[in-house]
Each structure stands twice: as structure tokens, then as C-alpha cells.
Protein backbone atom coordinates (compact mmCIF):
# COMPACT_ATOMS: atom_id res chain seq x y z
CA MET A 1 123.19 -75.83 -51.85
CA ASN A 2 120.11 -75.98 -54.08
CA GLU A 3 118.23 -72.64 -53.92
CA LEU A 4 114.84 -74.31 -54.44
CA ARG A 5 115.46 -76.59 -51.44
CA ILE A 6 116.45 -73.60 -49.30
CA THR A 7 113.27 -71.77 -50.34
CA ALA A 8 111.18 -74.91 -49.71
CA ILE A 9 112.55 -75.21 -46.16
CA HIS A 10 111.96 -71.49 -45.55
CA GLU A 11 108.35 -71.60 -46.76
CA ALA A 12 107.62 -74.96 -45.12
CA ALA A 13 108.70 -73.47 -41.78
CA HIS A 14 106.27 -70.56 -42.27
CA ALA A 15 103.49 -73.05 -43.07
CA VAL A 16 104.15 -75.38 -40.13
CA ALA A 17 104.44 -72.40 -37.76
CA ALA A 18 101.11 -71.03 -39.05
CA ILE A 19 99.39 -74.37 -38.45
CA ARG A 20 100.89 -74.68 -34.97
CA ALA A 21 99.64 -71.14 -34.23
CA GLY A 22 96.12 -72.10 -35.33
CA LEU A 23 96.24 -69.86 -38.40
CA VAL A 24 94.71 -70.82 -41.73
CA PHE A 25 96.38 -69.92 -45.01
CA ASP A 26 95.36 -70.49 -48.61
CA HIS A 27 98.49 -72.16 -49.98
CA VAL A 28 102.27 -72.22 -49.78
CA THR A 29 104.75 -72.41 -52.63
CA ALA A 30 108.50 -72.61 -53.03
CA ARG A 31 108.31 -71.56 -56.68
CA PRO A 32 109.39 -68.10 -57.80
CA ASP A 33 106.66 -65.66 -58.81
CA GLU A 34 107.95 -62.81 -60.97
CA ASP A 35 104.64 -60.91 -60.71
CA GLU A 36 104.90 -60.82 -56.90
CA ASP A 37 108.71 -60.68 -56.95
CA THR A 38 109.02 -63.59 -54.52
CA ASP A 39 111.12 -66.75 -54.44
CA GLY A 40 108.28 -68.53 -52.66
CA ALA A 41 105.45 -67.47 -50.38
CA LEU A 42 102.82 -68.36 -47.85
CA HIS A 43 99.55 -66.95 -49.17
CA TRP A 44 96.99 -65.99 -46.55
CA ARG A 45 93.26 -66.45 -46.93
CA GLU A 46 91.46 -63.24 -47.85
CA LEU A 47 89.98 -62.71 -44.37
CA GLN A 48 93.41 -62.83 -42.75
CA ALA A 49 95.09 -60.85 -45.54
CA SER A 50 92.44 -58.14 -45.24
CA GLY A 51 92.85 -57.88 -41.49
CA ASP A 52 89.24 -58.95 -40.83
CA VAL A 53 90.54 -61.89 -38.79
CA VAL A 54 92.60 -60.69 -35.84
CA VAL A 55 95.96 -62.39 -35.43
CA THR A 56 98.10 -61.37 -32.48
CA PRO A 57 101.39 -59.73 -33.42
CA GLU A 58 103.29 -62.29 -31.33
CA LEU A 59 101.79 -65.25 -33.22
CA LEU A 60 102.41 -63.63 -36.56
CA ALA A 61 105.99 -62.84 -35.54
CA VAL A 62 106.65 -66.52 -34.78
CA VAL A 63 105.30 -67.47 -38.23
CA LEU A 64 107.40 -64.77 -39.93
CA LEU A 65 110.59 -65.65 -38.03
CA ALA A 66 110.25 -69.40 -38.59
CA GLY A 67 111.24 -69.11 -42.26
CA PRO A 68 114.57 -67.30 -41.84
CA CYS A 69 115.38 -69.40 -38.76
CA ALA A 70 114.81 -72.63 -40.71
CA GLU A 71 116.86 -71.35 -43.62
CA ALA A 72 119.70 -70.51 -41.23
CA ARG A 73 119.53 -73.97 -39.68
CA LEU A 74 119.64 -75.66 -43.10
CA THR A 75 122.49 -73.58 -44.51
CA GLY A 76 124.54 -73.24 -41.32
CA ARG A 77 124.39 -69.46 -41.52
CA ALA A 78 123.59 -67.10 -38.65
CA VAL A 79 119.91 -66.15 -38.36
CA ASP A 80 120.67 -62.43 -38.46
CA GLU A 81 122.68 -62.94 -41.66
CA VAL A 82 119.75 -64.73 -43.33
CA PHE A 83 117.27 -62.20 -41.97
CA THR A 84 119.19 -59.30 -43.52
CA ASP A 85 119.44 -60.90 -46.99
CA GLU A 86 117.48 -59.34 -49.84
CA GLU A 87 115.36 -62.51 -50.05
CA ALA A 88 114.09 -61.87 -46.50
CA THR A 89 112.90 -58.34 -47.26
CA GLY A 90 109.22 -59.32 -47.10
CA ASP A 91 109.65 -61.07 -43.74
CA ARG A 92 111.64 -58.11 -42.37
CA GLU A 93 109.07 -55.56 -43.51
CA ALA A 94 106.18 -57.62 -42.10
CA ILE A 95 107.97 -57.96 -38.74
CA ALA A 96 108.65 -54.20 -38.65
CA GLU A 97 104.95 -53.50 -39.24
CA LEU A 98 104.13 -55.46 -36.08
CA MET A 99 106.00 -52.85 -34.03
CA LEU A 100 107.00 -55.32 -31.33
CA ASP A 101 109.14 -54.08 -28.49
CA THR A 102 112.44 -55.85 -27.85
CA ASP A 103 111.02 -58.23 -25.24
CA ARG A 104 108.14 -59.36 -27.45
CA PHE A 105 110.44 -59.74 -30.48
CA MET A 106 112.88 -61.83 -28.43
CA ALA A 107 110.05 -63.99 -27.06
CA ALA A 108 108.78 -64.61 -30.62
CA SER A 109 112.34 -65.47 -31.71
CA VAL A 110 112.73 -67.98 -28.89
CA GLU A 111 109.37 -69.55 -29.77
CA ALA A 112 110.29 -69.77 -33.47
CA LEU A 113 113.56 -71.54 -32.60
CA ALA A 114 111.75 -73.90 -30.22
CA LEU A 115 109.24 -74.70 -32.96
CA LEU A 116 112.11 -75.64 -35.29
CA GLU A 117 113.55 -77.97 -32.66
CA ARG A 118 110.18 -79.66 -32.12
CA ASP A 119 109.00 -79.77 -35.72
CA TRP A 120 112.13 -80.02 -37.88
CA PRO A 121 111.14 -83.45 -39.33
CA LEU A 122 107.71 -82.01 -40.24
CA ILE A 123 109.29 -78.97 -41.86
CA GLU A 124 111.54 -81.24 -43.91
CA ARG A 125 108.52 -83.37 -44.91
CA VAL A 126 106.53 -80.33 -46.05
CA ALA A 127 109.59 -78.97 -47.89
CA ALA A 128 110.07 -82.29 -49.70
CA GLU A 129 106.44 -82.18 -50.84
CA LEU A 130 106.83 -78.54 -51.96
CA LEU A 131 109.74 -79.53 -54.19
CA GLY A 132 107.47 -81.80 -56.24
CA VAL A 133 104.49 -79.49 -56.78
CA ARG A 134 103.66 -75.91 -57.72
CA ALA A 135 101.91 -75.29 -54.36
CA LEU A 136 100.38 -77.04 -51.37
CA ALA A 137 96.97 -76.03 -50.08
CA PHE A 138 96.41 -75.53 -46.35
CA ASP A 139 94.58 -78.87 -46.10
CA GLN A 140 97.51 -80.71 -47.70
CA VAL A 141 100.02 -79.17 -45.29
CA GLU A 142 97.71 -79.81 -42.35
CA ALA A 143 97.46 -83.48 -43.35
CA LEU A 144 101.27 -83.75 -43.45
CA VAL A 145 101.58 -82.09 -40.04
CA ASP A 146 98.80 -84.19 -38.49
CA GLY A 147 99.95 -87.39 -40.21
């Protein structure tokens, strides 16, 4: 399977989950960035990245889990297998920093999977757009989701 498509689905799921959670990001990309050592990324606005805007750990967990869950759905792999890959290191570390107990982690996982069921066509639409551009700004993704 095409690695860029897998990354586009992964990042599109993060972006759609963020919008559904009412969170604003700067842009999302499926393109590798050697400086940041990422295959793709959802880039937060400075206020959120700095921690000045409070985001509940549960909401952030759903956003973080949406990417690996979408990748697993696309590739037919188990979620835990995708989540333990080297490519998911950033998502894993960010989830660990949230320090969720088992119940809250499981609830976020269930919500992330439910979001994929509801919004899979939107995730595919955002991923398709990501494949044709360097990055999509929040407003562009929001228009795709609302459209």
C-alpha cells in the first residue's frame, strides 16, 4: 500500500477528530519533514501548543488515537500493532503525557473508533486533498468537513 496514502489517512483522522472536538489547529500535512523527523503532522496553533488554551486530556486523547485507528482500518492491521510502530512514537509519547487512567484511555479509544465509523468518508476526503498539496490549513479542512 502507498505509504503517502497511509500517512494522509492517519493525519486526516487527526484533523477531523480535532475539528469534531472543537479544537483549532494551524495546518495538517502528510508530507515528510526531515527537520521535525515526521512522516506527516497536525500542527497546533501557538496558543494550544504553548498550553495557554486548555484542552481536556480526554479530547486530546481522541484526537491522538484517531490517527493510528484510521491507519489500522485502512491497512487491515490491529490498532495496537499500528500504535506500537516507530511511526506512531509521537502519538504514543503524547498519549503517555496525558497520564490517563485505564478507564479514561479506554473511553477515548471507544470515542476515536466511533468517530471513524461516523466520519470515515470525511477522513477519506481530507486524505485525498492532502495527497495533492503540501498542507491544508484549518479553514480548508473545516470547509471539507462542513461541506
